Amino acid sequence: MMSNKRELKKTINYICSDLFAECVAASLYSGKPEKENVDALLTSILTIHSNYIQRISHPEPGVPAKKYYRDLIDNFNKEVNEVIDHIANLI
């Protein structure tokens, strides 16, 4: 579990920037992937990033903090794994 919101945001920034760079590298160095697929994947990475950063800054009222952030991290990890699978399919 992350120690605070700032660390959680840094981790999300780091993971999303690595995913973005990996997607760009995969699109450049693999055969000729469909431009629409690459663009959609890059857009989804940016959407995931902004969505989760916003959700950290503005938690839902009435939900216990520990449960809220545990669910947030689990959902983030699930979406990141899906993006990784899509990047692997580009190659």
Protein backbone atom coordinates (compact mmCIF):
# COMPACT_ATOMS: atom_id res chain seq x y z
CA MET A 1 0.00 0.00 0.00
CA MET A 2 1.26 3.48 -0.79
CA SER A 3 2.23 5.68 2.12
CA ASN A 4 0.46 8.79 0.88
CA LYS A 5 -1.30 10.43 -2.06
CA ARG A 6 1.86 12.06 -3.37
CA GLU A 7 3.68 8.72 -3.62
CA LEU A 8 0.67 7.11 -5.27
CA LYS A 9 0.54 9.90 -7.87
CA LYS A 10 4.27 9.55 -8.54
CA THR A 11 3.88 5.82 -9.05
CA ILE A 12 0.96 6.29 -11.45
CA ASN A 13 2.92 8.94 -13.38
CA TYR A 14 5.92 6.62 -13.62
CA ILE A 15 3.91 3.59 -14.77
CA CYS A 16 1.89 5.55 -17.33
CA SER A 17 4.95 7.26 -18.79
CA ASP A 18 6.70 3.88 -19.13
CA LEU A 19 3.62 2.38 -20.79
CA PHE A 20 3.44 5.31 -23.21
CA ALA A 21 7.14 5.00 -24.10
CA GLU A 22 6.83 1.23 -24.52
CA CYS A 23 3.83 1.64 -26.80
CA VAL A 24 5.65 4.18 -28.97
CA ALA A 25 8.74 1.96 -29.13
CA ALA A 26 6.66 -1.10 -30.00
CA SER A 27 4.89 0.79 -32.78
CA LEU A 28 8.17 2.06 -34.23
CA TYR A 29 10.22 -1.12 -34.05
CA SER A 30 7.64 -3.78 -34.79
CA GLY A 31 6.36 -4.39 -38.30
CA LYS A 32 3.69 -1.97 -39.42
CA PRO A 33 0.99 -1.91 -36.77
CA GLU A 34 -2.30 -0.21 -37.60
CA LYS A 35 -2.01 3.50 -36.83
CA GLU A 36 -5.56 3.53 -35.43
CA ASN A 37 -4.67 0.76 -32.95
CA VAL A 38 -1.57 2.59 -31.76
CA ASP A 39 -3.43 5.89 -31.45
CA ALA A 40 -6.25 4.23 -29.51
CA LEU A 41 -3.77 2.59 -27.17
CA LEU A 42 -1.89 5.85 -26.54
CA THR A 43 -5.19 7.62 -25.91
CA SER A 44 -6.26 4.95 -23.44
CA ILE A 45 -2.97 5.31 -21.53
CA LEU A 46 -3.50 9.07 -21.26
CA THR A 47 -7.11 8.55 -20.19
CA ILE A 48 -6.10 6.04 -17.51
CA HIS A 49 -3.49 8.47 -16.23
CA SER A 50 -5.79 11.46 -15.94
CA ASN A 51 -8.66 9.39 -14.55
CA TYR A 52 -6.64 7.88 -11.71
CA ILE A 53 -4.80 11.10 -10.82
CA GLN A 54 -8.19 12.83 -10.52
CA ARG A 55 -9.60 10.01 -8.44
CA ILE A 56 -6.67 10.26 -6.01
CA SER A 57 -7.15 14.00 -5.62
CA HIS A 58 -10.93 13.78 -5.13
CA PRO A 59 -11.92 10.59 -3.28
CA GLU A 60 -15.55 9.60 -3.07
CA PRO A 61 -17.20 10.88 0.10
CA GLY A 62 -18.63 8.29 2.45
CA VAL A 63 -16.25 5.50 1.42
CA PRO A 64 -13.60 4.53 3.98
CA ALA A 65 -10.22 5.77 2.74
CA LYS A 66 -8.44 2.43 3.09
CA LYS A 67 -11.08 0.59 1.05
CA TYR A 68 -11.30 3.38 -1.54
CA TYR A 69 -7.56 3.44 -2.24
CA ARG A 70 -7.25 -0.36 -2.19
CA ASP A 71 -9.99 -0.59 -4.84
CA LEU A 72 -8.39 2.25 -6.81
CA ILE A 73 -5.02 0.50 -6.87
CA ASP A 74 -6.58 -2.85 -7.82
CA ASN A 75 -8.54 -1.28 -10.69
CA PHE A 76 -5.46 0.62 -11.87
CA ASN A 77 -3.39 -2.57 -11.91
CA LYS A 78 -6.11 -4.38 -13.85
CA GLU A 79 -6.25 -1.64 -16.51
CA VAL A 80 -2.44 -1.50 -16.75
CA ASN A 81 -2.31 -5.25 -17.34
CA GLU A 82 -4.85 -4.90 -20.15
CA VAL A 83 -2.73 -2.17 -21.77
CA ILE A 84 0.38 -4.35 -21.45
CA ASP A 85 -1.47 -7.17 -23.23
CA HIS A 86 -2.46 -4.80 -26.04
CA ILE A 87 1.15 -3.59 -26.40
CA ALA A 88 2.30 -7.19 -26.60
CA ASN A 89 -0.19 -7.77 -29.42
CA LEU A 90 1.34 -4.88 -31.39
CA ILE A 91 4.67 -6.67 -31.58
